N, C-alpha and C. Protein backbone atom coordinates (compact mmCIF):
# COMPACT_ATOMS: atom_id res chain seq x y z
N MET A 1 -15.44 7.24 -7.98
CA MET A 1 -14.31 7.62 -8.79
C MET A 1 -14.12 9.14 -8.67
N ASN A 2 -12.93 9.58 -8.89
CA ASN A 2 -12.56 10.98 -8.72
C ASN A 2 -12.50 11.69 -10.07
N GLU A 3 -13.35 12.67 -10.26
CA GLU A 3 -13.40 13.39 -11.55
C GLU A 3 -12.09 14.08 -11.89
N ASP A 4 -11.31 14.45 -10.87
CA ASP A 4 -10.06 15.16 -11.10
C ASP A 4 -8.89 14.23 -11.42
N ALA A 5 -9.09 12.94 -11.33
CA ALA A 5 -7.99 11.98 -11.48
C ALA A 5 -7.90 11.38 -12.88
N GLY A 6 -8.48 12.01 -13.86
CA GLY A 6 -8.39 11.52 -15.23
C GLY A 6 -9.60 10.70 -15.61
N PRO A 7 -9.55 10.12 -16.81
CA PRO A 7 -10.68 9.33 -17.29
C PRO A 7 -11.04 8.18 -16.35
N ILE A 8 -12.30 7.90 -16.24
CA ILE A 8 -12.76 6.86 -15.31
C ILE A 8 -12.17 5.50 -15.65
N PHE A 9 -12.10 5.17 -16.94
CA PHE A 9 -11.55 3.85 -17.31
C PHE A 9 -10.10 3.74 -16.84
N ARG A 10 -9.36 4.85 -16.88
CA ARG A 10 -7.97 4.83 -16.44
C ARG A 10 -7.90 4.67 -14.92
N GLN A 11 -8.85 5.28 -14.21
CA GLN A 11 -8.92 5.12 -12.76
C GLN A 11 -9.20 3.67 -12.37
N VAL A 12 -10.06 3.01 -13.14
CA VAL A 12 -10.36 1.59 -12.92
C VAL A 12 -9.08 0.77 -13.10
N ALA A 13 -8.36 1.04 -14.18
CA ALA A 13 -7.12 0.32 -14.44
C ALA A 13 -6.11 0.56 -13.33
N THR A 14 -5.99 1.80 -12.88
CA THR A 14 -5.05 2.14 -11.81
C THR A 14 -5.42 1.44 -10.51
N GLU A 15 -6.70 1.35 -10.23
CA GLU A 15 -7.16 0.65 -9.02
C GLU A 15 -6.72 -0.81 -9.05
N ILE A 16 -6.89 -1.47 -10.19
CA ILE A 16 -6.49 -2.87 -10.33
C ILE A 16 -4.96 -2.97 -10.22
N GLU A 17 -4.25 -2.06 -10.87
CA GLU A 17 -2.79 -2.05 -10.78
C GLU A 17 -2.34 -1.91 -9.33
N ASN A 18 -2.95 -0.99 -8.59
CA ASN A 18 -2.59 -0.79 -7.19
C ASN A 18 -2.79 -2.07 -6.38
N ALA A 19 -3.87 -2.77 -6.65
CA ALA A 19 -4.14 -4.03 -5.94
C ALA A 19 -3.08 -5.08 -6.26
N ILE A 20 -2.61 -5.08 -7.48
CA ILE A 20 -1.56 -6.02 -7.88
C ILE A 20 -0.25 -5.64 -7.20
N VAL A 21 0.09 -4.36 -7.24
CA VAL A 21 1.35 -3.89 -6.65
C VAL A 21 1.38 -4.13 -5.14
N ASP A 22 0.26 -3.85 -4.45
CA ASP A 22 0.27 -4.03 -2.99
C ASP A 22 0.03 -5.47 -2.56
N GLY A 23 -0.19 -6.36 -3.50
CA GLY A 23 -0.32 -7.78 -3.20
C GLY A 23 -1.72 -8.26 -2.86
N SER A 24 -2.68 -7.34 -2.83
CA SER A 24 -4.04 -7.78 -2.50
C SER A 24 -4.71 -8.52 -3.67
N LEU A 25 -4.14 -8.39 -4.87
CA LEU A 25 -4.60 -9.15 -6.03
C LEU A 25 -3.37 -9.89 -6.57
N ALA A 26 -3.27 -11.16 -6.23
CA ALA A 26 -2.08 -11.95 -6.54
C ALA A 26 -2.05 -12.39 -8.00
N GLU A 27 -0.85 -12.67 -8.46
CA GLU A 27 -0.69 -13.20 -9.81
C GLU A 27 -1.45 -14.51 -9.94
N GLU A 28 -2.08 -14.69 -11.07
CA GLU A 28 -2.91 -15.84 -11.42
C GLU A 28 -4.25 -15.86 -10.68
N SER A 29 -4.56 -14.83 -9.92
CA SER A 29 -5.88 -14.75 -9.29
C SER A 29 -6.83 -14.01 -10.22
N GLN A 30 -8.11 -14.24 -10.02
CA GLN A 30 -9.12 -13.64 -10.87
C GLN A 30 -9.34 -12.18 -10.49
N ALA A 31 -9.36 -11.32 -11.50
CA ALA A 31 -9.63 -9.90 -11.31
C ALA A 31 -11.13 -9.69 -11.23
N PRO A 32 -11.56 -8.59 -10.61
CA PRO A 32 -13.00 -8.30 -10.60
C PRO A 32 -13.52 -8.15 -12.03
N SER A 33 -14.75 -8.54 -12.23
CA SER A 33 -15.35 -8.43 -13.56
C SER A 33 -15.76 -6.98 -13.83
N SER A 34 -16.01 -6.69 -15.08
CA SER A 34 -16.47 -5.34 -15.44
C SER A 34 -17.80 -5.03 -14.78
N ASN A 35 -18.66 -6.04 -14.65
CA ASN A 35 -19.95 -5.82 -13.97
C ASN A 35 -19.77 -5.55 -12.48
N GLU A 36 -18.86 -6.27 -11.84
CA GLU A 36 -18.58 -6.03 -10.43
C GLU A 36 -18.02 -4.63 -10.21
N LEU A 37 -17.07 -4.25 -11.05
CA LEU A 37 -16.48 -2.92 -10.94
C LEU A 37 -17.52 -1.83 -11.21
N ALA A 38 -18.36 -2.07 -12.21
CA ALA A 38 -19.40 -1.09 -12.56
C ALA A 38 -20.38 -0.90 -11.42
N ALA A 39 -20.80 -1.99 -10.81
CA ALA A 39 -21.74 -1.91 -9.70
C ALA A 39 -21.11 -1.22 -8.50
N PHE A 40 -19.88 -1.57 -8.19
CA PHE A 40 -19.20 -1.00 -7.03
C PHE A 40 -19.00 0.50 -7.17
N HIS A 41 -18.57 0.92 -8.38
CA HIS A 41 -18.26 2.34 -8.60
C HIS A 41 -19.43 3.14 -9.19
N ARG A 42 -20.52 2.42 -9.48
CA ARG A 42 -21.68 3.04 -10.11
C ARG A 42 -21.30 3.74 -11.41
N ILE A 43 -20.66 2.94 -12.27
CA ILE A 43 -20.27 3.42 -13.59
C ILE A 43 -20.81 2.46 -14.63
N ASN A 44 -20.71 2.86 -15.88
CA ASN A 44 -21.15 2.03 -16.99
C ASN A 44 -20.24 0.81 -17.11
N PRO A 45 -20.80 -0.39 -17.28
CA PRO A 45 -19.96 -1.59 -17.45
C PRO A 45 -18.97 -1.47 -18.61
N ALA A 46 -19.35 -0.75 -19.66
CA ALA A 46 -18.44 -0.57 -20.80
C ALA A 46 -17.21 0.24 -20.39
N THR A 47 -17.39 1.18 -19.49
CA THR A 47 -16.27 1.98 -18.99
C THR A 47 -15.33 1.11 -18.17
N ALA A 48 -15.90 0.29 -17.30
CA ALA A 48 -15.09 -0.63 -16.50
C ALA A 48 -14.35 -1.61 -17.42
N ALA A 49 -15.05 -2.11 -18.43
CA ALA A 49 -14.44 -3.05 -19.37
C ALA A 49 -13.28 -2.40 -20.12
N LYS A 50 -13.42 -1.12 -20.44
CA LYS A 50 -12.34 -0.41 -21.14
C LYS A 50 -11.08 -0.37 -20.28
N GLY A 51 -11.25 -0.15 -18.98
CA GLY A 51 -10.11 -0.17 -18.06
C GLY A 51 -9.46 -1.54 -17.98
N LEU A 52 -10.29 -2.57 -17.89
CA LEU A 52 -9.76 -3.94 -17.83
C LEU A 52 -9.07 -4.31 -19.14
N ASN A 53 -9.67 -3.93 -20.27
CA ASN A 53 -9.08 -4.24 -21.57
C ASN A 53 -7.75 -3.52 -21.78
N GLN A 54 -7.60 -2.34 -21.18
CA GLN A 54 -6.32 -1.64 -21.25
C GLN A 54 -5.24 -2.46 -20.54
N LEU A 55 -5.61 -3.06 -19.42
CA LEU A 55 -4.67 -3.90 -18.69
C LEU A 55 -4.34 -5.18 -19.45
N VAL A 56 -5.30 -5.70 -20.19
CA VAL A 56 -5.04 -6.86 -21.06
C VAL A 56 -4.05 -6.46 -22.15
N ALA A 57 -4.29 -5.30 -22.76
CA ALA A 57 -3.39 -4.81 -23.82
C ALA A 57 -1.98 -4.58 -23.28
N ASP A 58 -1.87 -4.19 -22.01
CA ASP A 58 -0.57 -3.94 -21.38
C ASP A 58 0.10 -5.23 -20.89
N GLY A 59 -0.62 -6.35 -20.95
CA GLY A 59 -0.05 -7.62 -20.51
C GLY A 59 -0.13 -7.85 -19.01
N VAL A 60 -0.92 -7.04 -18.32
CA VAL A 60 -1.08 -7.17 -16.88
C VAL A 60 -2.15 -8.21 -16.55
N LEU A 61 -3.21 -8.23 -17.32
CA LEU A 61 -4.29 -9.21 -17.18
C LEU A 61 -4.36 -10.05 -18.45
N TYR A 62 -4.95 -11.22 -18.33
CA TYR A 62 -5.26 -12.02 -19.51
C TYR A 62 -6.66 -12.60 -19.33
N LYS A 63 -7.27 -12.93 -20.46
CA LYS A 63 -8.65 -13.45 -20.46
C LYS A 63 -8.64 -14.97 -20.54
N ARG A 64 -9.52 -15.56 -19.75
CA ARG A 64 -9.83 -16.98 -19.90
C ARG A 64 -11.25 -17.02 -20.41
N ARG A 65 -11.39 -17.45 -21.61
CA ARG A 65 -12.69 -17.43 -22.27
C ARG A 65 -13.76 -18.12 -21.42
N GLY A 66 -14.84 -17.39 -21.18
CA GLY A 66 -15.96 -17.92 -20.43
C GLY A 66 -15.76 -17.93 -18.92
N VAL A 67 -14.58 -17.52 -18.45
CA VAL A 67 -14.30 -17.55 -17.02
C VAL A 67 -14.09 -16.15 -16.46
N GLY A 68 -13.26 -15.36 -17.15
CA GLY A 68 -13.00 -14.00 -16.68
C GLY A 68 -11.57 -13.58 -16.95
N MET A 69 -11.17 -12.53 -16.25
CA MET A 69 -9.82 -11.97 -16.39
C MET A 69 -8.98 -12.38 -15.19
N PHE A 70 -7.71 -12.63 -15.45
CA PHE A 70 -6.78 -13.07 -14.42
C PHE A 70 -5.50 -12.25 -14.49
N VAL A 71 -4.84 -12.15 -13.35
CA VAL A 71 -3.58 -11.41 -13.28
C VAL A 71 -2.48 -12.27 -13.90
N ALA A 72 -1.77 -11.69 -14.83
CA ALA A 72 -0.71 -12.42 -15.53
C ALA A 72 0.49 -12.66 -14.61
N THR A 73 1.17 -13.77 -14.85
CA THR A 73 2.41 -14.05 -14.16
C THR A 73 3.42 -12.96 -14.54
N GLY A 74 4.08 -12.41 -13.54
CA GLY A 74 5.05 -11.34 -13.80
C GLY A 74 4.46 -9.94 -13.83
N ALA A 75 3.13 -9.85 -13.66
CA ALA A 75 2.46 -8.54 -13.74
C ALA A 75 2.95 -7.59 -12.65
N ARG A 76 3.11 -8.09 -11.44
CA ARG A 76 3.55 -7.22 -10.34
C ARG A 76 4.91 -6.63 -10.64
N GLU A 77 5.85 -7.46 -11.07
CA GLU A 77 7.20 -6.98 -11.37
C GLU A 77 7.17 -5.99 -12.55
N GLN A 78 6.35 -6.27 -13.54
CA GLN A 78 6.20 -5.36 -14.69
C GLN A 78 5.69 -3.99 -14.23
N LEU A 79 4.69 -4.00 -13.36
CA LEU A 79 4.13 -2.74 -12.86
C LEU A 79 5.14 -2.01 -11.98
N LEU A 80 5.85 -2.74 -11.13
CA LEU A 80 6.86 -2.10 -10.29
C LEU A 80 7.94 -1.45 -11.14
N LYS A 81 8.37 -2.13 -12.17
CA LYS A 81 9.41 -1.60 -13.05
C LYS A 81 8.93 -0.31 -13.72
N ARG A 82 7.71 -0.34 -14.24
CA ARG A 82 7.16 0.85 -14.90
C ARG A 82 6.99 2.00 -13.92
N ARG A 83 6.46 1.70 -12.73
CA ARG A 83 6.22 2.75 -11.74
C ARG A 83 7.52 3.33 -11.20
N ARG A 84 8.53 2.50 -11.05
CA ARG A 84 9.83 3.01 -10.60
C ARG A 84 10.40 3.97 -11.64
N SER A 85 10.27 3.62 -12.89
CA SER A 85 10.73 4.50 -13.97
C SER A 85 9.97 5.81 -13.97
N GLU A 86 8.64 5.74 -13.82
CA GLU A 86 7.81 6.94 -13.75
C GLU A 86 8.18 7.78 -12.54
N PHE A 87 8.46 7.13 -11.40
CA PHE A 87 8.85 7.83 -10.19
C PHE A 87 10.16 8.60 -10.43
N ALA A 88 11.10 7.94 -11.07
CA ALA A 88 12.37 8.60 -11.37
C ALA A 88 12.15 9.81 -12.27
N ASP A 89 11.32 9.65 -13.29
CA ASP A 89 11.04 10.76 -14.22
C ASP A 89 10.32 11.92 -13.53
N GLN A 90 9.36 11.61 -12.68
CA GLN A 90 8.54 12.65 -12.06
C GLN A 90 9.19 13.30 -10.85
N TYR A 91 9.99 12.56 -10.10
CA TYR A 91 10.49 13.07 -8.83
C TYR A 91 12.01 13.13 -8.72
N VAL A 92 12.69 12.05 -9.05
CA VAL A 92 14.13 12.00 -8.81
C VAL A 92 14.88 12.91 -9.76
N ARG A 93 14.58 12.86 -11.05
CA ARG A 93 15.30 13.71 -12.00
C ARG A 93 15.11 15.20 -11.70
N PRO A 94 13.86 15.65 -11.46
CA PRO A 94 13.71 17.06 -11.09
C PRO A 94 14.41 17.41 -9.76
N LEU A 95 14.39 16.49 -8.81
CA LEU A 95 15.07 16.70 -7.54
C LEU A 95 16.57 16.88 -7.76
N MET A 96 17.15 16.00 -8.55
CA MET A 96 18.59 16.09 -8.82
C MET A 96 18.94 17.36 -9.59
N THR A 97 18.09 17.75 -10.52
CA THR A 97 18.33 18.98 -11.28
C THR A 97 18.33 20.19 -10.35
N GLU A 98 17.35 20.27 -9.47
CA GLU A 98 17.27 21.38 -8.51
C GLU A 98 18.43 21.34 -7.54
N ALA A 99 18.80 20.15 -7.08
CA ALA A 99 19.93 20.02 -6.15
C ALA A 99 21.21 20.54 -6.81
N GLN A 100 21.41 20.22 -8.07
CA GLN A 100 22.60 20.69 -8.79
C GLN A 100 22.59 22.21 -8.88
N LYS A 101 21.43 22.79 -9.17
CA LYS A 101 21.32 24.25 -9.25
C LYS A 101 21.71 24.90 -7.92
N LEU A 102 21.36 24.23 -6.82
CA LEU A 102 21.62 24.77 -5.48
C LEU A 102 22.98 24.38 -4.93
N GLY A 103 23.73 23.60 -5.70
CA GLY A 103 25.05 23.18 -5.26
C GLY A 103 25.02 22.09 -4.21
N ILE A 104 23.95 21.31 -4.19
CA ILE A 104 23.82 20.20 -3.24
C ILE A 104 24.32 18.93 -3.92
N SER A 105 25.32 18.31 -3.31
CA SER A 105 25.87 17.08 -3.90
C SER A 105 24.92 15.92 -3.66
N ALA A 106 25.15 14.83 -4.39
CA ALA A 106 24.33 13.64 -4.20
C ALA A 106 24.50 13.11 -2.77
N GLY A 107 25.70 13.20 -2.24
CA GLY A 107 25.93 12.77 -0.87
C GLY A 107 25.18 13.61 0.15
N ASP A 108 25.19 14.94 -0.07
CA ASP A 108 24.46 15.84 0.82
C ASP A 108 22.95 15.56 0.73
N LEU A 109 22.49 15.30 -0.48
CA LEU A 109 21.08 15.00 -0.68
C LEU A 109 20.70 13.70 0.04
N ALA A 110 21.57 12.71 -0.06
CA ALA A 110 21.33 11.44 0.64
C ALA A 110 21.30 11.66 2.15
N ALA A 111 22.17 12.53 2.64
CA ALA A 111 22.18 12.84 4.08
C ALA A 111 20.89 13.53 4.48
N MET A 112 20.40 14.42 3.63
CA MET A 112 19.12 15.09 3.91
C MET A 112 17.98 14.08 4.00
N ILE A 113 18.00 13.13 3.11
CA ILE A 113 16.96 12.09 3.10
C ILE A 113 17.08 11.24 4.36
N ASP A 114 18.31 10.88 4.72
CA ASP A 114 18.51 10.10 5.94
C ASP A 114 18.02 10.86 7.16
N ASP A 115 18.33 12.17 7.22
CA ASP A 115 17.87 13.00 8.34
C ASP A 115 16.34 13.04 8.38
N TRP A 116 15.74 13.19 7.23
CA TRP A 116 14.28 13.23 7.17
C TRP A 116 13.69 11.91 7.67
N GLU A 117 14.30 10.80 7.28
CA GLU A 117 13.83 9.48 7.73
C GLU A 117 13.90 9.33 9.24
N THR A 118 14.98 9.82 9.84
CA THR A 118 15.13 9.66 11.30
C THR A 118 14.19 10.59 12.06
N GLN A 119 13.77 11.69 11.45
CA GLN A 119 12.88 12.64 12.12
C GLN A 119 11.41 12.25 11.99
N ARG A 120 11.10 11.29 11.17
CA ARG A 120 9.70 10.89 10.98
C ARG A 120 9.17 10.18 12.15
C-alpha cells in the first residue's frame, strides 16, 4: 500500500472499486476476504475489513452471512457514475474555467483534444 495515497482502508476500498470498474471483479462475484487482503498487503485484517465495510455501506458490496462479501448488482454502473462526476469536478470544470479565461471556446478546446488524440 502507498503511504501517500491516503488511509490504508481507503486504498483497499479503491483497489476493490478499480477491479469492479475494469471488470476483473464482476457483479455477483465474491470479493476477496479481509484476511486475504490483509495477507496480500501485509496489513491488519481489521484495516482490510474497514475498507470492505465502507464498500458495503456504499452499496457496492453486500454480505452473505457465513459465505463472504459479493459485488452488488449495479455496482459497476454506480461506481462509473460517481467517478465520472468526480472527474468532471476535478478536471473538466477547472479546464473549462481556464479555457474561458484564455478565450478558448468549447469548440476550440474540442479541436485541441482531437489533435492531441491523433498525435498520440
